Amino acid sequence: MKRIEYMKLCRMFAVIVFLAIGCAVTAQADPVNFNTFYQFGFSDPGVPSTGCDPADPAGPFCIPSGGTPTQFAPAGPWTFSSPVAVLLTVTDAFAAGDQFEIFDFGTSLGLTSLPFGNSSCGADPVPCLADPSISSGVFSLVAGNHSITIVPVLSPSGGGSGYFQVAPVPEPATLILLGTGLVGFCARQRKKRASQGDRAAPPMNTE
């Protein structure tokens, strides 16, 4: 009887230890999802970026995007595994002036573009990516496991926030379809303008 109770206690203890280990591993770095813009926070140059509170309790409060759907990033480094090649897109947000170096498992992938001017793109990652004065970059990653760290190299205001997104590289067939659709759209637009021009042309005087 005592042996049975002892075995039950051992099993319960093993389950508790297993759950505790699982929680500890999860707390170290949550995997990120594809095709999602994650907002991260940063401070001084050389200090690795964090997530945004409350997704990362150690991160700063971040002003979320009011347009494009985004999520607060969890605590870094940001990990994911992909069976195909992916593109990692990183952009600064709000005021121009910040720049980042991107690392994968500690190996530098390069720098985002050099910022210039005093413009502000706000909190939406899409307008920020479209603004050439805002630092951004796209990095190609092979299939496999990845662990991303973003480190500011320029931070004149002493901190701020930015965005990153991981997305699979479009397949050639997808690119062909997109190109064909674009060609067809342009052809229809030219035809439409030509027909409008014919209707608007005044009749010729044959006298």
C-alpha atoms as a PDB file:
ATOM      1  CA  MET A   1       0.000   0.000   0.000  1.00  0.00           C
ATOM      2  CA  LYS A   2       2.754   2.381   0.940  1.00  0.00           C
ATOM      3  CA  ARG A   3       4.625   1.446  -2.250  1.00  0.00           C
ATOM      4  CA  ILE A   4       1.597   2.355  -4.407  1.00  0.00           C
ATOM      5  CA  GLU A   5       1.281   5.741  -2.706  1.00  0.00           C
ATOM      6  CA  TYR A   6       5.011   6.290  -3.147  1.00  0.00           C
ATOM      7  CA  MET A   7       4.741   5.529  -6.908  1.00  0.00           C
ATOM      8  CA  LYS A   8       1.828   7.949  -7.249  1.00  0.00           C
ATOM      9  CA  LEU A   9       3.826  10.699  -5.553  1.00  0.00           C
ATOM     10  CA  CYS A  10       6.799  10.024  -7.851  1.00  0.00           C
ATOM     11  CA  ARG A  11       4.603  10.247 -10.938  1.00  0.00           C
ATOM     12  CA  MET A  12       3.008  13.482  -9.740  1.00  0.00           C
ATOM     13  CA  PHE A  13       6.442  14.922  -9.036  1.00  0.00           C
ATOM     14  CA  ALA A  14       7.653  13.900 -12.521  1.00  0.00           C
ATOM     15  CA  VAL A  15       4.642  15.583 -14.154  1.00  0.00           C
ATOM     16  CA  ILE A  16       5.210  18.784 -12.169  1.00  0.00           C
ATOM     17  CA  VAL A  17       8.907  18.845 -13.135  1.00  0.00           C
ATOM     18  CA  PHE A  18       8.047  18.218 -16.800  1.00  0.00           C
ATOM     19  CA  LEU A  19       5.518  21.052 -16.840  1.00  0.00           C
ATOM     20  CA  ALA A  20       7.939  23.397 -15.092  1.00  0.00           C
ATOM     21  CA  ILE A  21      10.657  22.663 -17.642  1.00  0.00           C
ATOM     22  CA  GLY A  22       8.209  23.177 -20.492  1.00  0.00           C
ATOM     23  CA  CYS A  23       7.099  26.521 -19.081  1.00  0.00           C
ATOM     24  CA  ALA A  24      10.683  27.626 -18.594  1.00  0.00           C
ATOM     25  CA  VAL A  25      11.583  26.799 -22.210  1.00  0.00           C
ATOM     26  CA  THR A  26       8.501  28.593 -23.481  1.00  0.00           C
ATOM     27  CA  ALA A  27       9.288  31.661 -21.425  1.00  0.00           C
ATOM     28  CA  GLN A  28      12.765  31.960 -22.931  1.00  0.00           C
ATOM     29  CA  ALA A  29      11.637  32.625 -26.509  1.00  0.00           C
ATOM     30  CA  ASP A  30       8.214  32.293 -28.086  1.00  0.00           C
ATOM     31  CA  PRO A  31       8.204  31.285 -31.779  1.00  0.00           C
ATOM     32  CA  VAL A  32       6.864  33.866 -34.208  1.00  0.00           C
ATOM     33  CA  ASN A  33       4.251  33.285 -36.892  1.00  0.00           C
ATOM     34  CA  PHE A  34       4.660  33.954 -40.588  1.00  0.00           C
ATOM     35  CA  ASN A  35       3.052  36.923 -42.359  1.00  0.00           C
ATOM     36  CA  THR A  36       2.584  38.833 -39.106  1.00  0.00           C
ATOM     37  CA  PHE A  37       4.076  42.221 -38.304  1.00  0.00           C
ATOM     38  CA  TYR A  38       5.575  42.140 -34.806  1.00  0.00           C
ATOM     39  CA  GLN A  39       6.341  45.379 -32.992  1.00  0.00           C
ATOM     40  CA  PHE A  40       9.542  45.475 -30.955  1.00  0.00           C
ATOM     41  CA  GLY A  41      11.091  48.045 -28.637  1.00  0.00           C
ATOM     42  CA  PHE A  42      14.691  49.244 -28.418  1.00  0.00           C
ATOM     43  CA  SER A  43      16.845  51.604 -26.361  1.00  0.00           C
ATOM     44  CA  ASP A  44      20.520  52.550 -26.698  1.00  0.00           C
ATOM     45  CA  PRO A  45      22.877  51.423 -29.476  1.00  0.00           C
ATOM     46  CA  GLY A  46      24.353  47.991 -28.838  1.00  0.00           C
ATOM     47  CA  VAL A  47      21.534  46.854 -26.555  1.00  0.00           C
ATOM     48  CA  PRO A  48      19.436  44.043 -28.109  1.00  0.00           C
ATOM     49  CA  SER A  49      15.822  44.941 -28.831  1.00  0.00           C
ATOM     50  CA  THR A  50      13.020  43.557 -26.700  1.00  0.00           C
ATOM     51  CA  GLY A  51       9.364  42.827 -27.238  1.00  0.00           C
ATOM     52  CA  CYS A  52       6.613  45.212 -26.170  1.00  0.00           C
ATOM     53  CA  ASP A  53       4.806  45.090 -22.851  1.00  0.00           C
ATOM     54  CA  PRO A  54       2.655  43.092 -22.021  1.00  0.00           C
ATOM     55  CA  ALA A  55       3.795  40.418 -24.534  1.00  0.00           C
ATOM     56  CA  ASP A  56       7.281  40.975 -23.104  1.00  0.00           C
ATOM     57  CA  PRO A  57       7.003  42.174 -19.480  1.00  0.00           C
ATOM     58  CA  ALA A  58      10.612  43.397 -19.652  1.00  0.00           C
ATOM     59  CA  GLY A  59       9.898  45.489 -22.753  1.00  0.00           C
ATOM     60  CA  PRO A  60       8.662  49.081 -23.014  1.00  0.00           C
ATOM     61  CA  PHE A  61       5.134  50.295 -23.579  1.00  0.00           C
ATOM     62  CA  CYS A  62       4.639  50.589 -27.350  1.00  0.00           C
ATOM     63  CA  ILE A  63       2.100  52.656 -29.281  1.00  0.00           C
ATOM     64  CA  PRO A  64       0.379  50.103 -31.551  1.00  0.00           C
ATOM     65  CA  SER A  65      -0.374  50.543 -35.218  1.00  0.00           C
ATOM     66  CA  GLY A  66      -3.686  52.204 -35.959  1.00  0.00           C
ATOM     67  CA  GLY A  67      -3.842  50.826 -39.503  1.00  0.00           C
ATOM     68  CA  THR A  68      -2.104  47.607 -40.548  1.00  0.00           C
ATOM     69  CA  PRO A  69      -2.860  44.755 -38.092  1.00  0.00           C
ATOM     70  CA  THR A  70       0.189  44.058 -35.919  1.00  0.00           C
ATOM     71  CA  GLN A  71       1.117  42.239 -32.716  1.00  0.00           C
ATOM     72  CA  PHE A  72       3.431  43.089 -29.845  1.00  0.00           C
ATOM     73  CA  ALA A  73       6.550  40.935 -30.075  1.00  0.00           C
ATOM     74  CA  PRO A  74       7.280  38.545 -27.202  1.00  0.00           C
ATOM     75  CA  ALA A  75      10.678  38.418 -25.513  1.00  0.00           C
ATOM     76  CA  GLY A  76      13.574  37.829 -27.887  1.00  0.00           C
ATOM     77  CA  PRO A  77      15.421  36.277 -29.471  1.00  0.00           C
ATOM     78  CA  TRP A  78      12.644  35.567 -31.969  1.00  0.00           C
ATOM     79  CA  THR A  79      12.731  32.000 -33.177  1.00  0.00           C
ATOM     80  CA  PHE A  80      11.032  30.081 -35.940  1.00  0.00           C
ATOM     81  CA  SER A  81      11.540  27.050 -38.151  1.00  0.00           C
ATOM     82  CA  SER A  82      10.656  26.996 -41.839  1.00  0.00           C
ATOM     83  CA  PRO A  83      10.717  24.183 -44.435  1.00  0.00           C
ATOM     84  CA  VAL A  84      11.207  26.803 -47.174  1.00  0.00           C
ATOM     85  CA  ALA A  85      13.275  29.944 -47.678  1.00  0.00           C
ATOM     86  CA  VAL A  86      11.827  33.068 -46.063  1.00  0.00           C
ATOM     87  CA  LEU A  87      12.224  36.838 -46.159  1.00  0.00           C
ATOM     88  CA  LEU A  88      12.770  38.763 -42.943  1.00  0.00           C
ATOM     89  CA  THR A  89      11.585  42.371 -43.210  1.00  0.00           C
ATOM     90  CA  VAL A  90      12.629  44.913 -40.571  1.00  0.00           C
ATOM     91  CA  THR A  91      11.649  48.582 -40.369  1.00  0.00           C
ATOM     92  CA  ASP A  92      11.980  51.441 -37.953  1.00  0.00           C
ATOM     93  CA  ALA A  93       8.811  53.319 -36.945  1.00  0.00           C
ATOM     94  CA  PHE A  94       7.886  56.872 -36.000  1.00  0.00           C
ATOM     95  CA  ALA A  95      10.777  59.374 -36.453  1.00  0.00           C
ATOM     96  CA  ALA A  96      13.678  58.763 -38.831  1.00  0.00           C
ATOM     97  CA  GLY A  97      17.176  58.381 -37.409  1.00  0.00           C
ATOM     98  CA  ASP A  98      17.379  54.822 -36.048  1.00  0.00           C
ATOM     99  CA  GLN A  99      19.241  51.969 -37.743  1.00  0.00           C
ATOM    100  CA  PHE A 100      19.579  48.275 -36.896  1.00  0.00           C
ATOM    101  CA  GLU A 101      21.916  45.325 -37.312  1.00  0.00           C
ATOM    102  CA  ILE A 102      20.191  41.958 -37.677  1.00  0.00           C
ATOM    103  CA  PHE A 103      21.616  38.721 -36.264  1.00  0.00           C
ATOM    104  CA  ASP A 104      20.631  35.084 -36.769  1.00  0.00           C
ATOM    105  CA  PHE A 105      22.025  32.796 -34.055  1.00  0.00           C
ATOM    106  CA  GLY A 106      24.620  35.501 -33.381  1.00  0.00           C
ATOM    107  CA  THR A 107      25.763  35.817 -37.008  1.00  0.00           C
ATOM    108  CA  SER A 108      25.243  39.222 -38.577  1.00  0.00           C
ATOM    109  CA  LEU A 109      22.882  39.334 -41.558  1.00  0.00           C
ATOM    110  CA  GLY A 110      23.665  42.994 -42.227  1.00  0.00           C
ATOM    111  CA  LEU A 111      22.337  46.472 -41.540  1.00  0.00           C
ATOM    112  CA  THR A 112      19.054  48.108 -42.384  1.00  0.00           C
ATOM    113  CA  SER A 113      19.238  51.120 -44.711  1.00  0.00           C
ATOM    114  CA  LEU A 114      20.838  54.365 -43.609  1.00  0.00           C
ATOM    115  CA  PRO A 115      18.192  56.821 -42.351  1.00  0.00           C
ATOM    116  CA  PHE A 116      18.118  60.486 -43.348  1.00  0.00           C
ATOM    117  CA  GLY A 117      16.020  63.582 -42.780  1.00  0.00           C
ATOM    118  CA  ASN A 118      13.542  64.354 -40.038  1.00  0.00           C
ATOM    119  CA  SER A 119      10.378  62.715 -41.357  1.00  0.00           C
ATOM    120  CA  SER A 120       7.993  60.585 -39.327  1.00  0.00           C
ATOM    121  CA  CYS A 121       6.079  57.595 -40.693  1.00  0.00           C
ATOM    122  CA  GLY A 122       3.892  57.037 -37.627  1.00  0.00           C
ATOM    123  CA  ALA A 123       3.104  53.677 -36.064  1.00  0.00           C
ATOM    124  CA  ASP A 124       2.004  51.773 -39.193  1.00  0.00           C
ATOM    125  CA  PRO A 125       4.700  49.481 -40.668  1.00  0.00           C
ATOM    126  CA  VAL A 126       3.460  49.726 -44.276  1.00  0.00           C
ATOM    127  CA  PRO A 127       3.930  53.524 -44.666  1.00  0.00           C
ATOM    128  CA  CYS A 128       7.229  53.196 -42.789  1.00  0.00           C
ATOM    129  CA  LEU A 129       8.483  50.641 -45.321  1.00  0.00           C
ATOM    130  CA  ALA A 130       7.422  52.926 -48.165  1.00  0.00           C
ATOM    131  CA  ASP A 131       9.344  55.924 -46.755  1.00  0.00           C
ATOM    132  CA  PRO A 132      12.961  55.884 -48.034  1.00  0.00           C
ATOM    133  CA  SER A 133      14.126  58.110 -45.176  1.00  0.00           C
ATOM    134  CA  ILE A 134      13.093  55.482 -42.616  1.00  0.00           C
ATOM    135  CA  SER A 135      15.631  52.699 -42.016  1.00  0.00           C
ATOM    136  CA  SER A 136      14.447  49.294 -43.241  1.00  0.00           C
ATOM    137  CA  GLY A 137      15.770  46.123 -44.820  1.00  0.00           C
ATOM    138  CA  VAL A 138      14.792  42.751 -46.264  1.00  0.00           C
ATOM    139  CA  PHE A 139      16.983  39.736 -45.505  1.00  0.00           C
ATOM    140  CA  SER A 140      16.844  36.330 -47.229  1.00  0.00           C
ATOM    141  CA  LEU A 141      16.983  33.276 -44.975  1.00  0.00           C
ATOM    142  CA  VAL A 142      17.364  29.651 -46.037  1.00  0.00           C
ATOM    143  CA  ALA A 143      15.028  26.914 -44.853  1.00  0.00           C
ATOM    144  CA  GLY A 144      15.688  25.684 -41.333  1.00  0.00           C
ATOM    145  CA  ASN A 145      15.809  26.985 -37.777  1.00  0.00           C
ATOM    146  CA  HIS A 146      16.417  30.649 -37.048  1.00  0.00           C
ATOM    147  CA  SER A 147      16.897  32.832 -33.963  1.00  0.00           C
ATOM    148  CA  ILE A 148      16.659  36.547 -34.725  1.00  0.00           C
ATOM    149  CA  THR A 149      18.107  39.386 -32.678  1.00  0.00           C
ATOM    150  CA  ILE A 150      17.735  43.064 -33.662  1.00  0.00           C
ATOM    151  CA  VAL A 151      20.342  45.471 -32.271  1.00  0.00           C
ATOM    152  CA  PRO A 152      20.148  49.248 -32.809  1.00  0.00           C
ATOM    153  CA  VAL A 153      23.344  50.842 -34.124  1.00  0.00           C
ATOM    154  CA  LEU A 154      21.835  54.326 -34.341  1.00  0.00           C
ATOM    155  CA  SER A 155      19.341  55.574 -31.759  1.00  0.00           C
ATOM    156  CA  PRO A 156      19.519  59.380 -31.465  1.00  0.00           C
ATOM    157  CA  SER A 157      16.416  59.559 -29.262  1.00  0.00           C
ATOM    158  CA  GLY A 158      17.619  56.821 -26.911  1.00  0.00           C
ATOM    159  CA  GLY A 159      14.832  54.418 -27.830  1.00  0.00           C
ATOM    160  CA  GLY A 160      11.730  53.746 -29.862  1.00  0.00           C
ATOM    161  CA  SER A 161      10.012  50.892 -31.645  1.00  0.00           C
ATOM    162  CA  GLY A 162      10.001  49.140 -34.988  1.00  0.00           C
ATOM    163  CA  TYR A 163       8.530  46.124 -36.752  1.00  0.00           C
ATOM    164  CA  PHE A 164       9.661  42.823 -38.224  1.00  0.00           C
ATOM    165  CA  GLN A 165       7.877  40.238 -40.328  1.00  0.00           C
ATOM    166  CA  VAL A 166       8.800  36.753 -41.545  1.00  0.00           C
ATOM    167  CA  ALA A 167       7.184  35.614 -44.795  1.00  0.00           C
ATOM    168  CA  PRO A 168       7.852  32.683 -47.155  1.00  0.00           C
ATOM    169  CA  VAL A 169       9.577  33.571 -50.421  1.00  0.00           C
ATOM    170  CA  PRO A 170       6.923  33.623 -53.197  1.00  0.00           C
ATOM    171  CA  GLU A 171       7.171  30.589 -55.482  1.00  0.00           C
ATOM    172  CA  PRO A 172       7.972  31.169 -59.188  1.00  0.00           C
ATOM    173  CA  ALA A 173       4.449  30.143 -60.155  1.00  0.00           C
ATOM    174  CA  THR A 174       3.038  32.768 -57.796  1.00  0.00           C
ATOM    175  CA  LEU A 175       5.317  35.422 -59.259  1.00  0.00           C
ATOM    176  CA  ILE A 176       4.239  34.452 -62.790  1.00  0.00           C
ATOM    177  CA  LEU A 177       0.578  34.732 -61.816  1.00  0.00           C
ATOM    178  CA  LEU A 178       1.171  38.116 -60.239  1.00  0.00           C
ATOM    179  CA  GLY A 179       3.075  39.297 -63.309  1.00  0.00           C
ATOM    180  CA  THR A 180       0.386  38.010 -65.676  1.00  0.00           C
ATOM    181  CA  GLY A 181      -2.301  39.714 -63.647  1.00  0.00           C
ATOM    182  CA  LEU A 182      -0.371  42.976 -63.683  1.00  0.00           C
ATOM    183  CA  VAL A 183       0.123  42.811 -67.467  1.00  0.00           C
ATOM    184  CA  GLY A 184      -3.567  42.101 -67.972  1.00  0.00           C
ATOM    185  CA  PHE A 185      -4.540  44.975 -65.702  1.00  0.00           C
ATOM    186  CA  CYS A 186      -2.287  47.398 -67.595  1.00  0.00           C
ATOM    187  CA  ALA A 187      -3.690  46.206 -70.940  1.00  0.00           C
ATOM    188  CA  ARG A 188      -7.256  46.755 -69.755  1.00  0.00           C
ATOM    189  CA  GLN A 189      -6.368  50.219 -68.494  1.00  0.00           C
ATOM    190  CA  ARG A 190      -4.785  51.159 -71.852  1.00  0.00           C
ATOM    191  CA  LYS A 191      -7.808  49.836 -73.736  1.00  0.00           C
ATOM    192  CA  LYS A 192     -10.156  51.751 -71.443  1.00  0.00           C
ATOM    193  CA  ARG A 193      -8.231  55.008 -71.931  1.00  0.00           C
ATOM    194  CA  ALA A 194      -8.147  54.485 -75.697  1.00  0.00           C
ATOM    195  CA  SER A 195     -11.915  53.938 -75.885  1.00  0.00           C
ATOM    196  CA  GLN A 196     -12.530  57.019 -73.744  1.00  0.00           C
ATOM    197  CA  GLY A 197     -10.286  59.025 -76.040  1.00  0.00           C
ATOM    198  CA  ASP A 198     -12.196  57.839 -79.129  1.00  0.00           C
ATOM    199  CA  ARG A 199     -15.520  58.850 -77.599  1.00  0.00           C
ATOM    200  CA  ALA A 200     -14.176  62.213 -76.571  1.00  0.00           C
ATOM    201  CA  ALA A 201     -12.657  63.042 -79.988  1.00  0.00           C
ATOM    202  CA  PRO A 202     -14.756  65.616 -81.979  1.00  0.00           C
ATOM    203  CA  PRO A 203     -16.166  64.579 -85.366  1.00  0.00           C
ATOM    204  CA  MET A 204     -14.007  65.510 -88.340  1.00  0.00           C
ATOM    205  CA  ASN A 205     -15.274  68.164 -90.781  1.00  0.00           C
ATOM    206  CA  THR A 206     -15.424  66.578 -94.263  1.00  0.00           C
ATOM    207  CA  GLU A 207     -16.496  69.748 -96.087  1.00  0.00           C
END
